[in-house]
N, C-alpha and C. Protein backbone atom coordinates (compact mmCIF):
# COMPACT_ATOMS: atom_id res chain seq x y z
N UNK A 1 158.02 -54.16 4.70
CA UNK A 1 156.72 -54.82 4.48
C UNK A 1 155.66 -54.25 5.42
N UNK A 2 156.05 -54.08 6.72
CA UNK A 2 155.11 -53.54 7.69
C UNK A 2 154.65 -52.14 7.29
N UNK A 3 155.62 -51.32 6.83
CA UNK A 3 155.28 -49.96 6.41
C UNK A 3 154.31 -49.95 5.25
N UNK A 4 154.49 -50.89 4.30
CA UNK A 4 153.60 -50.98 3.15
C UNK A 4 152.19 -51.37 3.59
N UNK A 5 152.11 -52.31 4.54
CA UNK A 5 150.80 -52.73 5.04
C UNK A 5 150.09 -51.58 5.74
N UNK A 6 150.85 -50.79 6.50
CA UNK A 6 150.26 -49.63 7.18
C UNK A 6 149.73 -48.62 6.16
N UNK A 7 150.50 -48.45 5.08
CA UNK A 7 150.07 -47.50 4.04
C UNK A 7 148.75 -47.95 3.41
N UNK A 8 148.68 -49.25 3.07
CA UNK A 8 147.44 -49.77 2.49
C UNK A 8 146.28 -49.65 3.46
N UNK A 9 146.56 -49.87 4.74
CA UNK A 9 145.51 -49.76 5.76
C UNK A 9 144.99 -48.33 5.84
N UNK A 10 145.90 -47.36 5.81
CA UNK A 10 145.50 -45.95 5.86
C UNK A 10 144.66 -45.58 4.64
N UNK A 11 145.09 -46.10 3.46
CA UNK A 11 144.32 -45.83 2.24
C UNK A 11 142.92 -46.41 2.36
N UNK A 12 142.82 -47.65 2.87
CA UNK A 12 141.52 -48.29 3.02
C UNK A 12 140.63 -47.53 3.99
N UNK A 13 141.22 -47.06 5.11
CA UNK A 13 140.45 -46.31 6.10
C UNK A 13 139.95 -44.99 5.50
N UNK A 14 140.82 -44.31 4.77
CA UNK A 14 140.42 -43.04 4.14
C UNK A 14 139.29 -43.27 3.13
N UNK A 15 139.40 -44.37 2.37
CA UNK A 15 138.35 -44.68 1.39
C UNK A 15 137.03 -44.95 2.08
N UNK A 16 137.07 -45.71 3.18
CA UNK A 16 135.85 -46.02 3.91
C UNK A 16 135.21 -44.77 4.48
N UNK A 17 136.05 -43.86 4.99
CA UNK A 17 135.52 -42.59 5.53
C UNK A 17 134.85 -41.78 4.43
N UNK A 18 135.50 -41.78 3.25
CA UNK A 18 134.95 -41.02 2.13
C UNK A 18 133.63 -41.63 1.67
N UNK A 19 133.57 -42.98 1.58
CA UNK A 19 132.35 -43.64 1.17
C UNK A 19 131.23 -43.35 2.15
N UNK A 20 131.53 -43.39 3.46
CA UNK A 20 130.52 -43.11 4.47
C UNK A 20 130.02 -41.67 4.36
N UNK A 21 130.96 -40.74 4.09
CA UNK A 21 130.56 -39.34 3.95
C UNK A 21 129.65 -39.16 2.74
N UNK A 22 130.02 -39.83 1.62
CA UNK A 22 129.20 -39.74 0.42
C UNK A 22 127.83 -40.36 0.66
N UNK A 23 127.80 -41.48 1.38
CA UNK A 23 126.53 -42.12 1.70
C UNK A 23 125.66 -41.19 2.53
N UNK A 24 126.30 -40.46 3.44
CA UNK A 24 125.56 -39.50 4.26
C UNK A 24 124.97 -38.38 3.43
N UNK A 25 125.76 -37.89 2.46
CA UNK A 25 125.26 -36.81 1.59
C UNK A 25 124.12 -37.31 0.71
N UNK A 26 124.26 -38.54 0.19
CA UNK A 26 123.20 -39.11 -0.64
C UNK A 26 121.92 -39.26 0.18
N UNK A 27 122.07 -39.72 1.43
CA UNK A 27 120.90 -39.86 2.29
C UNK A 27 120.23 -38.52 2.54
N UNK A 28 121.04 -37.47 2.72
CA UNK A 28 120.49 -36.13 2.94
C UNK A 28 119.69 -35.68 1.73
N UNK A 29 120.24 -35.92 0.53
CA UNK A 29 119.54 -35.55 -0.70
C UNK A 29 118.24 -36.34 -0.83
N UNK A 30 118.30 -37.65 -0.51
CA UNK A 30 117.11 -38.49 -0.62
C UNK A 30 116.01 -38.04 0.33
N UNK A 31 116.40 -37.67 1.55
CA UNK A 31 115.41 -37.19 2.53
C UNK A 31 114.80 -35.87 2.05
N UNK A 32 115.65 -34.98 1.54
CA UNK A 32 115.15 -33.69 1.04
C UNK A 32 114.21 -33.91 -0.14
N UNK A 33 114.55 -34.85 -1.03
CA UNK A 33 113.68 -35.15 -2.16
C UNK A 33 112.32 -35.66 -1.68
N UNK A 34 112.35 -36.57 -0.71
CA UNK A 34 111.10 -37.13 -0.19
C UNK A 34 110.22 -36.04 0.42
N UNK A 35 110.84 -35.15 1.17
CA UNK A 35 110.08 -34.06 1.79
C UNK A 35 109.50 -33.12 0.73
N UNK A 36 110.31 -32.79 -0.27
CA UNK A 36 109.83 -31.92 -1.35
C UNK A 36 108.70 -32.58 -2.12
N UNK A 37 108.87 -33.87 -2.45
CA UNK A 37 107.84 -34.60 -3.18
C UNK A 37 106.53 -34.62 -2.40
N UNK A 38 106.62 -34.92 -1.10
CA UNK A 38 105.40 -35.00 -0.29
C UNK A 38 104.69 -33.66 -0.20
N UNK A 39 105.48 -32.60 -0.01
CA UNK A 39 104.89 -31.26 0.10
C UNK A 39 104.26 -30.84 -1.23
N UNK A 40 104.96 -31.12 -2.31
CA UNK A 40 104.45 -30.75 -3.63
C UNK A 40 103.20 -31.55 -3.97
N UNK A 41 103.22 -32.82 -3.64
CA UNK A 41 102.03 -33.65 -3.88
C UNK A 41 100.82 -33.10 -3.13
N UNK A 42 101.02 -32.74 -1.87
CA UNK A 42 99.90 -32.21 -1.08
C UNK A 42 99.36 -30.93 -1.67
N UNK A 43 100.26 -30.08 -2.14
CA UNK A 43 99.79 -28.81 -2.73
C UNK A 43 99.04 -29.05 -4.04
N UNK A 44 99.55 -29.96 -4.86
CA UNK A 44 98.86 -30.30 -6.10
C UNK A 44 97.51 -30.95 -5.81
N UNK A 45 97.48 -31.82 -4.81
CA UNK A 45 96.24 -32.50 -4.45
C UNK A 45 95.18 -31.50 -4.00
N UNK A 46 95.57 -30.58 -3.14
CA UNK A 46 94.61 -29.58 -2.65
C UNK A 46 94.10 -28.70 -3.79
N UNK A 47 95.00 -28.37 -4.69
CA UNK A 47 94.62 -27.48 -5.79
C UNK A 47 93.70 -28.17 -6.80
N UNK A 48 93.99 -29.43 -7.13
CA UNK A 48 93.32 -30.05 -8.27
C UNK A 48 92.32 -31.16 -7.93
N UNK A 49 92.28 -31.61 -6.70
CA UNK A 49 91.36 -32.71 -6.36
C UNK A 49 89.92 -32.47 -6.81
N UNK A 50 89.36 -31.26 -6.61
CA UNK A 50 87.97 -31.05 -7.05
C UNK A 50 87.78 -31.17 -8.56
N UNK A 51 88.87 -30.98 -9.32
CA UNK A 51 88.76 -30.96 -10.77
C UNK A 51 89.06 -32.31 -11.42
N UNK A 52 89.76 -33.19 -10.73
CA UNK A 52 90.24 -34.43 -11.35
C UNK A 52 89.11 -35.28 -11.92
N UNK A 53 87.98 -35.46 -11.23
CA UNK A 53 86.93 -36.30 -11.81
C UNK A 53 86.39 -35.79 -13.14
N UNK A 54 86.13 -34.48 -13.22
CA UNK A 54 85.56 -33.95 -14.48
C UNK A 54 86.62 -33.88 -15.58
N UNK A 55 87.90 -33.86 -15.21
CA UNK A 55 88.97 -33.90 -16.19
C UNK A 55 89.32 -35.33 -16.60
N UNK A 56 88.74 -36.31 -15.92
CA UNK A 56 89.13 -37.71 -16.12
C UNK A 56 90.64 -37.84 -15.91
N UNK A 57 91.11 -37.27 -14.83
CA UNK A 57 92.54 -37.21 -14.54
C UNK A 57 92.85 -37.86 -13.20
N UNK A 58 94.12 -38.12 -13.01
CA UNK A 58 94.59 -38.79 -11.81
C UNK A 58 95.93 -38.20 -11.40
N UNK A 59 96.10 -37.96 -10.09
CA UNK A 59 97.37 -37.47 -9.55
C UNK A 59 98.07 -38.63 -8.85
N UNK A 60 99.28 -38.94 -9.26
CA UNK A 60 100.03 -40.08 -8.75
C UNK A 60 101.18 -39.58 -7.89
N UNK A 61 101.18 -39.95 -6.63
CA UNK A 61 102.16 -39.42 -5.68
C UNK A 61 103.58 -39.90 -5.95
N UNK A 62 103.74 -41.17 -6.32
CA UNK A 62 105.07 -41.78 -6.40
C UNK A 62 106.03 -40.98 -7.27
N UNK A 63 105.55 -40.48 -8.41
CA UNK A 63 106.44 -39.74 -9.31
C UNK A 63 105.84 -38.39 -9.72
N UNK A 64 104.88 -37.89 -8.92
CA UNK A 64 104.29 -36.58 -9.15
C UNK A 64 103.77 -36.43 -10.58
N UNK A 65 103.02 -37.44 -11.00
CA UNK A 65 102.44 -37.45 -12.34
C UNK A 65 100.98 -37.02 -12.29
N UNK A 66 100.60 -36.13 -13.18
CA UNK A 66 99.20 -35.79 -13.38
C UNK A 66 98.80 -36.37 -14.72
N UNK A 67 97.93 -37.38 -14.69
CA UNK A 67 97.60 -38.18 -15.86
C UNK A 67 96.21 -37.84 -16.39
N UNK A 68 96.14 -37.48 -17.67
CA UNK A 68 94.88 -37.28 -18.37
C UNK A 68 94.65 -38.49 -19.26
N UNK A 69 93.61 -39.26 -18.96
CA UNK A 69 93.52 -40.57 -19.60
C UNK A 69 92.14 -40.89 -20.16
N UNK A 70 91.49 -39.89 -20.72
CA UNK A 70 90.23 -40.15 -21.42
C UNK A 70 90.44 -39.83 -22.89
N UNK A 71 90.75 -40.85 -23.71
CA UNK A 71 91.14 -40.58 -25.11
C UNK A 71 90.09 -39.83 -25.92
N UNK A 72 88.82 -40.01 -25.60
CA UNK A 72 87.77 -39.31 -26.36
C UNK A 72 87.80 -37.81 -26.12
N UNK A 73 88.42 -37.38 -25.03
CA UNK A 73 88.53 -35.95 -24.73
C UNK A 73 89.80 -35.36 -25.32
N UNK A 74 90.86 -36.15 -25.39
CA UNK A 74 92.18 -35.61 -25.72
C UNK A 74 92.36 -35.33 -27.21
N UNK A 75 92.30 -36.39 -28.03
CA UNK A 75 92.57 -36.28 -29.47
C UNK A 75 91.62 -37.21 -30.23
N UNK A 76 91.39 -36.89 -31.49
CA UNK A 76 90.69 -37.83 -32.35
C UNK A 76 91.64 -38.97 -32.69
N UNK A 77 91.08 -40.12 -33.04
CA UNK A 77 91.91 -41.28 -33.35
C UNK A 77 92.87 -40.98 -34.48
N UNK A 78 94.15 -41.23 -34.24
CA UNK A 78 95.18 -41.03 -35.26
C UNK A 78 95.57 -39.59 -35.49
N UNK A 79 95.04 -38.66 -34.68
CA UNK A 79 95.28 -37.23 -34.89
C UNK A 79 96.11 -36.65 -33.74
N UNK A 80 96.88 -35.62 -34.03
CA UNK A 80 97.64 -34.91 -32.99
C UNK A 80 97.01 -33.56 -32.66
N UNK A 81 95.86 -33.26 -33.25
CA UNK A 81 95.18 -32.00 -32.98
C UNK A 81 94.39 -32.10 -31.68
N UNK A 82 94.61 -31.17 -30.77
CA UNK A 82 93.90 -31.19 -29.49
C UNK A 82 92.42 -30.95 -29.71
N UNK A 83 91.60 -31.75 -29.03
CA UNK A 83 90.17 -31.52 -29.08
C UNK A 83 89.81 -30.28 -28.24
N UNK A 84 88.72 -29.60 -28.56
CA UNK A 84 88.31 -28.42 -27.78
C UNK A 84 88.18 -28.71 -26.28
N UNK A 85 87.69 -29.89 -25.93
CA UNK A 85 87.53 -30.22 -24.50
C UNK A 85 88.88 -30.29 -23.80
N UNK A 86 89.89 -30.82 -24.49
CA UNK A 86 91.23 -30.89 -23.88
C UNK A 86 91.84 -29.50 -23.79
N UNK A 87 91.60 -28.66 -24.77
CA UNK A 87 92.08 -27.27 -24.70
C UNK A 87 91.46 -26.57 -23.49
N UNK A 88 90.17 -26.79 -23.26
CA UNK A 88 89.51 -26.18 -22.10
C UNK A 88 90.15 -26.65 -20.80
N UNK A 89 90.48 -27.93 -20.73
CA UNK A 89 91.13 -28.47 -19.53
C UNK A 89 92.49 -27.81 -19.33
N UNK A 90 93.28 -27.74 -20.39
CA UNK A 90 94.61 -27.15 -20.29
C UNK A 90 94.53 -25.67 -19.93
N UNK A 91 93.53 -24.96 -20.45
CA UNK A 91 93.33 -23.55 -20.10
C UNK A 91 93.17 -23.37 -18.60
N UNK A 92 92.46 -24.29 -17.99
CA UNK A 92 92.20 -24.24 -16.55
C UNK A 92 93.37 -24.78 -15.75
N UNK A 93 93.91 -25.91 -16.19
CA UNK A 93 94.93 -26.62 -15.44
C UNK A 93 96.30 -25.95 -15.46
N UNK A 94 96.81 -25.65 -16.64
CA UNK A 94 98.24 -25.35 -16.75
C UNK A 94 98.67 -24.07 -16.03
N UNK A 95 97.94 -22.96 -16.13
CA UNK A 95 98.37 -21.77 -15.39
C UNK A 95 98.43 -22.01 -13.87
N UNK A 96 97.51 -22.75 -13.33
CA UNK A 96 97.51 -23.06 -11.89
C UNK A 96 98.69 -23.97 -11.55
N UNK A 97 98.98 -24.90 -12.43
CA UNK A 97 100.12 -25.82 -12.28
C UNK A 97 101.43 -25.03 -12.24
N UNK A 98 101.59 -24.11 -13.18
CA UNK A 98 102.81 -23.30 -13.24
C UNK A 98 102.93 -22.43 -11.99
N UNK A 99 101.82 -21.87 -11.53
CA UNK A 99 101.87 -21.03 -10.34
C UNK A 99 102.43 -21.79 -9.14
N UNK A 100 102.04 -23.04 -8.98
CA UNK A 100 102.56 -23.86 -7.87
C UNK A 100 104.04 -24.16 -8.06
N UNK A 101 104.41 -24.58 -9.25
CA UNK A 101 105.81 -24.97 -9.48
C UNK A 101 106.76 -23.78 -9.45
N UNK A 102 106.25 -22.59 -9.74
CA UNK A 102 107.09 -21.39 -9.72
C UNK A 102 107.21 -20.77 -8.33
N UNK A 103 106.53 -21.33 -7.36
CA UNK A 103 106.59 -20.75 -6.02
C UNK A 103 108.00 -20.95 -5.45
N UNK A 104 108.46 -20.06 -4.58
CA UNK A 104 109.83 -20.15 -4.04
C UNK A 104 110.13 -21.48 -3.37
N UNK A 105 109.13 -22.16 -2.85
CA UNK A 105 109.36 -23.44 -2.15
C UNK A 105 109.89 -24.51 -3.08
N UNK A 106 109.53 -24.46 -4.35
CA UNK A 106 109.86 -25.55 -5.27
C UNK A 106 110.72 -25.13 -6.45
N UNK A 107 110.87 -23.84 -6.64
CA UNK A 107 111.48 -23.32 -7.87
C UNK A 107 112.85 -23.94 -8.14
N UNK A 108 113.71 -23.97 -7.12
CA UNK A 108 115.07 -24.47 -7.33
C UNK A 108 115.16 -25.98 -7.35
N UNK A 109 114.14 -26.65 -6.85
CA UNK A 109 114.19 -28.11 -6.76
C UNK A 109 113.77 -28.80 -8.05
N UNK A 110 113.13 -28.08 -8.97
CA UNK A 110 112.58 -28.70 -10.18
C UNK A 110 113.60 -28.64 -11.31
N UNK A 111 113.88 -29.81 -11.89
CA UNK A 111 114.85 -29.86 -12.99
C UNK A 111 114.18 -30.09 -14.35
N UNK A 112 112.96 -30.62 -14.34
CA UNK A 112 112.27 -30.88 -15.61
C UNK A 112 110.78 -31.04 -15.38
N UNK A 113 110.00 -30.52 -16.32
CA UNK A 113 108.56 -30.78 -16.38
C UNK A 113 108.32 -31.51 -17.69
N UNK A 114 107.99 -32.78 -17.59
CA UNK A 114 107.86 -33.63 -18.76
C UNK A 114 106.39 -33.73 -19.19
N UNK A 115 106.15 -33.46 -20.47
CA UNK A 115 104.85 -33.79 -21.06
C UNK A 115 105.06 -35.09 -21.82
N UNK A 116 104.40 -36.15 -21.38
CA UNK A 116 104.58 -37.46 -21.99
C UNK A 116 103.32 -37.89 -22.73
N UNK A 117 103.50 -38.37 -23.95
CA UNK A 117 102.39 -38.90 -24.73
C UNK A 117 102.50 -40.41 -24.81
N UNK A 118 101.41 -41.10 -24.53
CA UNK A 118 101.38 -42.56 -24.53
C UNK A 118 100.23 -43.05 -25.41
N UNK A 119 100.44 -44.18 -26.06
CA UNK A 119 99.42 -44.77 -26.90
C UNK A 119 99.18 -46.23 -26.49
N UNK A 120 98.15 -46.83 -27.07
CA UNK A 120 97.99 -48.28 -26.99
C UNK A 120 98.93 -48.91 -28.01
N UNK A 121 98.92 -50.23 -28.06
CA UNK A 121 99.77 -50.92 -29.04
C UNK A 121 99.07 -51.09 -30.39
N UNK A 122 97.82 -50.65 -30.48
CA UNK A 122 97.04 -50.84 -31.71
C UNK A 122 97.43 -49.82 -32.79
N UNK A 123 97.36 -50.26 -34.03
CA UNK A 123 97.45 -49.35 -35.18
C UNK A 123 96.76 -50.03 -36.35
N UNK A 124 95.66 -49.47 -36.79
CA UNK A 124 94.87 -50.07 -37.88
C UNK A 124 95.72 -50.14 -39.15
N UNK A 125 95.80 -51.33 -39.72
CA UNK A 125 96.53 -51.51 -40.97
C UNK A 125 98.01 -51.73 -40.81
N UNK A 126 98.51 -51.83 -39.56
CA UNK A 126 99.94 -52.04 -39.35
C UNK A 126 100.35 -53.42 -39.86
N UNK A 127 101.52 -53.48 -40.49
CA UNK A 127 102.00 -54.74 -41.06
C UNK A 127 102.55 -55.68 -40.00
N UNK A 128 102.95 -55.13 -38.86
CA UNK A 128 103.56 -55.94 -37.80
C UNK A 128 103.51 -55.13 -36.50
N UNK A 129 103.77 -55.78 -35.36
CA UNK A 129 103.86 -55.02 -34.10
C UNK A 129 104.91 -53.92 -34.14
N UNK A 130 106.03 -54.18 -34.80
CA UNK A 130 107.07 -53.15 -34.92
C UNK A 130 106.57 -51.96 -35.72
N UNK A 131 105.84 -52.25 -36.78
CA UNK A 131 105.27 -51.18 -37.62
C UNK A 131 104.28 -50.35 -36.80
N UNK A 132 103.44 -51.02 -36.01
CA UNK A 132 102.47 -50.31 -35.16
C UNK A 132 103.20 -49.45 -34.14
N UNK A 133 104.26 -49.99 -33.56
CA UNK A 133 105.03 -49.24 -32.55
C UNK A 133 105.61 -47.96 -33.15
N UNK A 134 106.16 -48.05 -34.34
CA UNK A 134 106.77 -46.88 -34.96
C UNK A 134 105.73 -45.84 -35.35
N UNK A 135 104.58 -46.30 -35.86
CA UNK A 135 103.50 -45.35 -36.17
C UNK A 135 103.03 -44.66 -34.89
N UNK A 136 102.88 -45.42 -33.82
CA UNK A 136 102.44 -44.84 -32.55
C UNK A 136 103.50 -43.92 -31.96
N UNK A 137 104.77 -44.22 -32.20
CA UNK A 137 105.83 -43.33 -31.73
C UNK A 137 105.72 -41.96 -32.40
N UNK A 138 105.53 -41.98 -33.71
CA UNK A 138 105.38 -40.73 -34.46
C UNK A 138 104.16 -39.95 -33.97
N UNK A 139 103.06 -40.68 -33.73
CA UNK A 139 101.83 -40.03 -33.27
C UNK A 139 102.00 -39.45 -31.87
N UNK A 140 102.59 -40.21 -30.96
CA UNK A 140 102.74 -39.73 -29.58
C UNK A 140 103.66 -38.52 -29.52
N UNK A 141 104.70 -38.51 -30.35
CA UNK A 141 105.58 -37.35 -30.38
C UNK A 141 104.86 -36.12 -30.92
N UNK A 142 104.05 -36.31 -31.96
CA UNK A 142 103.29 -35.18 -32.52
C UNK A 142 102.30 -34.65 -31.50
N UNK A 143 101.68 -35.54 -30.73
CA UNK A 143 100.70 -35.11 -29.74
C UNK A 143 101.35 -34.33 -28.60
N UNK A 144 102.52 -34.76 -28.16
CA UNK A 144 103.17 -34.01 -27.08
C UNK A 144 103.66 -32.65 -27.57
N UNK A 145 104.10 -32.59 -28.80
CA UNK A 145 104.51 -31.29 -29.36
C UNK A 145 103.31 -30.36 -29.46
N UNK A 146 102.17 -30.88 -29.88
CA UNK A 146 100.96 -30.06 -29.97
C UNK A 146 100.55 -29.54 -28.59
N UNK A 147 100.63 -30.43 -27.61
CA UNK A 147 100.28 -30.03 -26.24
C UNK A 147 101.24 -28.98 -25.72
N UNK A 148 102.54 -29.20 -25.95
CA UNK A 148 103.55 -28.23 -25.51
C UNK A 148 103.33 -26.87 -26.17
N UNK A 149 103.12 -26.86 -27.47
CA UNK A 149 102.91 -25.60 -28.18
C UNK A 149 101.69 -24.88 -27.63
N UNK A 150 100.63 -25.62 -27.36
CA UNK A 150 99.40 -25.00 -26.89
C UNK A 150 99.61 -24.35 -25.51
N UNK A 151 100.23 -25.08 -24.57
CA UNK A 151 100.35 -24.51 -23.22
C UNK A 151 101.33 -23.34 -23.19
N UNK A 152 102.35 -23.38 -24.05
CA UNK A 152 103.30 -22.26 -24.07
C UNK A 152 102.67 -20.99 -24.61
N UNK A 153 101.62 -21.12 -25.40
CA UNK A 153 100.97 -19.96 -25.99
C UNK A 153 99.82 -19.42 -25.14
N UNK A 154 99.54 -20.05 -24.01
CA UNK A 154 98.46 -19.55 -23.15
C UNK A 154 98.83 -18.16 -22.62
N UNK A 155 97.94 -17.19 -22.74
CA UNK A 155 98.25 -15.82 -22.28
C UNK A 155 98.64 -15.76 -20.80
N UNK A 156 98.04 -16.65 -19.99
CA UNK A 156 98.28 -16.60 -18.54
C UNK A 156 99.72 -16.97 -18.15
N UNK A 157 100.45 -17.65 -19.04
CA UNK A 157 101.82 -18.08 -18.69
C UNK A 157 102.88 -17.41 -19.55
N UNK A 158 102.50 -16.44 -20.36
CA UNK A 158 103.49 -15.84 -21.25
C UNK A 158 104.61 -15.15 -20.48
N UNK A 159 104.31 -14.67 -19.29
CA UNK A 159 105.36 -14.06 -18.48
C UNK A 159 106.36 -15.06 -17.96
N UNK A 160 106.03 -16.35 -17.99
CA UNK A 160 106.91 -17.41 -17.50
C UNK A 160 107.51 -18.22 -18.63
N UNK A 161 107.37 -17.76 -19.86
CA UNK A 161 107.69 -18.61 -21.00
C UNK A 161 109.18 -18.94 -21.07
N UNK A 162 110.07 -18.03 -20.68
CA UNK A 162 111.49 -18.33 -20.72
C UNK A 162 111.83 -19.46 -19.75
N UNK A 163 111.26 -19.40 -18.56
CA UNK A 163 111.46 -20.46 -17.57
C UNK A 163 110.89 -21.77 -18.07
N UNK A 164 109.71 -21.72 -18.67
CA UNK A 164 109.07 -22.93 -19.19
C UNK A 164 109.89 -23.56 -20.32
N UNK A 165 110.44 -22.75 -21.18
CA UNK A 165 111.24 -23.28 -22.28
C UNK A 165 112.47 -24.03 -21.78
N UNK A 166 113.01 -23.59 -20.65
CA UNK A 166 114.17 -24.28 -20.08
C UNK A 166 113.81 -25.62 -19.46
N UNK A 167 112.59 -25.76 -18.96
CA UNK A 167 112.25 -26.93 -18.16
C UNK A 167 111.26 -27.90 -18.81
N UNK A 168 110.36 -27.40 -19.65
CA UNK A 168 109.31 -28.27 -20.17
C UNK A 168 109.81 -29.01 -21.41
N UNK A 169 109.63 -30.33 -21.41
CA UNK A 169 110.03 -31.15 -22.55
C UNK A 169 108.83 -31.96 -23.04
N UNK A 170 108.85 -32.30 -24.32
CA UNK A 170 107.79 -33.11 -24.94
C UNK A 170 108.37 -34.47 -25.29
N UNK A 171 107.75 -35.52 -24.77
CA UNK A 171 108.31 -36.87 -24.88
C UNK A 171 107.24 -37.85 -25.38
N UNK A 172 107.36 -38.27 -26.61
CA UNK A 172 106.46 -39.28 -27.15
C UNK A 172 107.01 -40.67 -26.86
N UNK A 173 106.24 -41.51 -26.21
CA UNK A 173 106.73 -42.82 -25.77
C UNK A 173 106.00 -43.99 -26.41
N UNK A 174 105.16 -43.73 -27.40
CA UNK A 174 104.45 -44.78 -28.12
C UNK A 174 103.73 -45.69 -27.13
N UNK A 175 103.87 -47.01 -27.32
CA UNK A 175 103.19 -47.98 -26.45
C UNK A 175 104.17 -48.64 -25.48
N UNK A 176 105.26 -47.95 -25.18
CA UNK A 176 106.31 -48.56 -24.35
C UNK A 176 105.92 -48.71 -22.89
N UNK A 177 104.90 -47.96 -22.44
CA UNK A 177 104.48 -48.02 -21.04
C UNK A 177 102.97 -48.21 -20.97
N UNK A 178 102.54 -49.36 -21.38
CA UNK A 178 101.11 -49.67 -21.40
C UNK A 178 100.55 -49.78 -19.99
N UNK A 179 99.27 -49.48 -19.85
CA UNK A 179 98.56 -49.71 -18.60
C UNK A 179 97.81 -51.04 -18.74
N UNK A 180 97.97 -51.90 -17.75
CA UNK A 180 97.38 -53.23 -17.78
C UNK A 180 96.15 -53.29 -16.88
N UNK A 181 95.22 -54.17 -17.23
CA UNK A 181 94.05 -54.36 -16.37
C UNK A 181 94.36 -55.38 -15.28
N UNK A 182 93.36 -55.73 -14.51
CA UNK A 182 93.57 -56.62 -13.36
C UNK A 182 94.08 -57.99 -13.77
N UNK A 183 93.78 -58.40 -14.99
CA UNK A 183 94.22 -59.72 -15.46
C UNK A 183 95.59 -59.69 -16.14
N UNK A 184 96.19 -58.49 -16.20
CA UNK A 184 97.50 -58.37 -16.81
C UNK A 184 97.47 -58.11 -18.30
N UNK A 185 96.29 -57.88 -18.86
CA UNK A 185 96.18 -57.58 -20.28
C UNK A 185 96.17 -56.07 -20.51
N UNK A 186 96.55 -55.67 -21.70
CA UNK A 186 96.60 -54.25 -22.04
C UNK A 186 95.22 -53.62 -21.95
N UNK A 187 95.15 -52.49 -21.24
CA UNK A 187 93.94 -51.67 -21.22
C UNK A 187 94.16 -50.57 -22.27
N UNK A 188 93.66 -50.80 -23.46
CA UNK A 188 93.96 -49.92 -24.58
C UNK A 188 93.48 -48.50 -24.33
N UNK A 189 92.27 -48.33 -23.79
CA UNK A 189 91.71 -46.99 -23.59
C UNK A 189 92.54 -46.20 -22.58
N UNK A 190 92.87 -46.82 -21.44
CA UNK A 190 93.63 -46.11 -20.41
C UNK A 190 95.09 -45.89 -20.82
N UNK A 191 95.59 -46.71 -21.74
CA UNK A 191 96.98 -46.53 -22.20
C UNK A 191 97.12 -45.29 -23.07
N UNK A 192 96.03 -44.86 -23.69
CA UNK A 192 96.06 -43.66 -24.53
C UNK A 192 95.90 -42.44 -23.62
N UNK A 193 96.98 -41.77 -23.32
CA UNK A 193 96.94 -40.75 -22.29
C UNK A 193 98.04 -39.71 -22.51
N UNK A 194 97.87 -38.58 -21.80
CA UNK A 194 98.91 -37.54 -21.72
C UNK A 194 99.22 -37.33 -20.25
N UNK A 195 100.50 -37.26 -19.93
CA UNK A 195 100.91 -37.10 -18.54
C UNK A 195 101.82 -35.89 -18.39
N UNK A 196 101.63 -35.16 -17.31
CA UNK A 196 102.55 -34.10 -16.89
C UNK A 196 103.30 -34.64 -15.68
N UNK A 197 104.62 -34.69 -15.80
CA UNK A 197 105.43 -35.34 -14.77
C UNK A 197 106.54 -34.39 -14.31
N UNK A 198 106.75 -34.31 -13.01
CA UNK A 198 107.76 -33.41 -12.43
C UNK A 198 108.99 -34.21 -12.02
N UNK A 199 110.14 -33.75 -12.43
CA UNK A 199 111.41 -34.33 -11.97
C UNK A 199 112.14 -33.28 -11.13
N UNK A 200 112.64 -33.70 -9.99
CA UNK A 200 113.40 -32.78 -9.14
C UNK A 200 114.89 -32.92 -9.43
N UNK A 201 115.69 -32.09 -8.76
CA UNK A 201 117.13 -32.13 -8.98
C UNK A 201 117.83 -33.18 -8.13
N UNK A 202 117.09 -34.04 -7.43
CA UNK A 202 117.71 -35.04 -6.55
C UNK A 202 118.63 -35.97 -7.34
N UNK A 203 118.17 -36.44 -8.51
CA UNK A 203 118.99 -37.34 -9.31
C UNK A 203 120.30 -36.69 -9.74
N UNK A 204 120.23 -35.41 -10.14
CA UNK A 204 121.42 -34.70 -10.58
C UNK A 204 122.40 -34.53 -9.43
N UNK A 205 121.89 -34.20 -8.25
CA UNK A 205 122.76 -34.00 -7.09
C UNK A 205 123.43 -35.30 -6.66
N UNK A 206 122.70 -36.40 -6.68
CA UNK A 206 123.28 -37.70 -6.33
C UNK A 206 124.34 -38.11 -7.36
N UNK A 207 124.05 -37.87 -8.64
CA UNK A 207 125.02 -38.20 -9.69
C UNK A 207 126.32 -37.43 -9.50
N UNK A 208 126.22 -36.16 -9.09
CA UNK A 208 127.43 -35.36 -8.86
C UNK A 208 128.24 -35.92 -7.70
N UNK A 209 127.56 -36.36 -6.64
CA UNK A 209 128.26 -36.95 -5.50
C UNK A 209 128.99 -38.20 -5.94
N UNK A 210 128.33 -39.06 -6.72
CA UNK A 210 128.94 -40.30 -7.17
C UNK A 210 130.09 -40.03 -8.12
N UNK A 211 129.96 -38.98 -8.93
CA UNK A 211 131.03 -38.64 -9.89
C UNK A 211 132.31 -38.26 -9.15
N UNK A 212 132.17 -37.54 -8.05
CA UNK A 212 133.33 -37.10 -7.27
C UNK A 212 134.09 -38.30 -6.68
N UNK A 213 133.35 -39.38 -6.35
CA UNK A 213 133.99 -40.53 -5.69
C UNK A 213 134.76 -41.39 -6.68
N UNK A 214 134.56 -41.21 -7.97
CA UNK A 214 135.23 -42.08 -8.94
C UNK A 214 136.68 -41.68 -9.13
């Protein structure tokens, strides 16, 4: 009996040591992610701050999102065709964006560049909220595909197109992530937006650590 108890104790101690080691590795990844995010945010801020007001855009530090949220500039109502003003913005923005993300400091840390399309919950003539949601889902997906196709065809990034094809995704999210006003009600105009969002490899690395412990 004593020998069995000692065996269980050794197993428990080994497990605790392993858990602590995994926790240490996760903490290291989290710290590295935070440092990369902060550095990348600062570089994006320095590069684009002078342009954000005229683009009607916003840079969000928490998840490295660059948000374009002036619907009158982006697309016509119910259309996925980019307006000339939005094309002009993308002509200026995207090559500079790629240049930063392709720099050696960040190249290996980036796992995905998401183009997200968002809508309000409105849809003229919708039979129900569910019907409006599905129509907006189709529209948001078409808009992100149009945006993706346009930026991939820019002459300034054609040399990076293989890298971009591996990392850039188009994600239509309909009205699932509405922007609310101060009173908690939907801000329909600000909800209609296109976002460029950067994901690092921190989540993948943490998932691999957790997978090993199972």
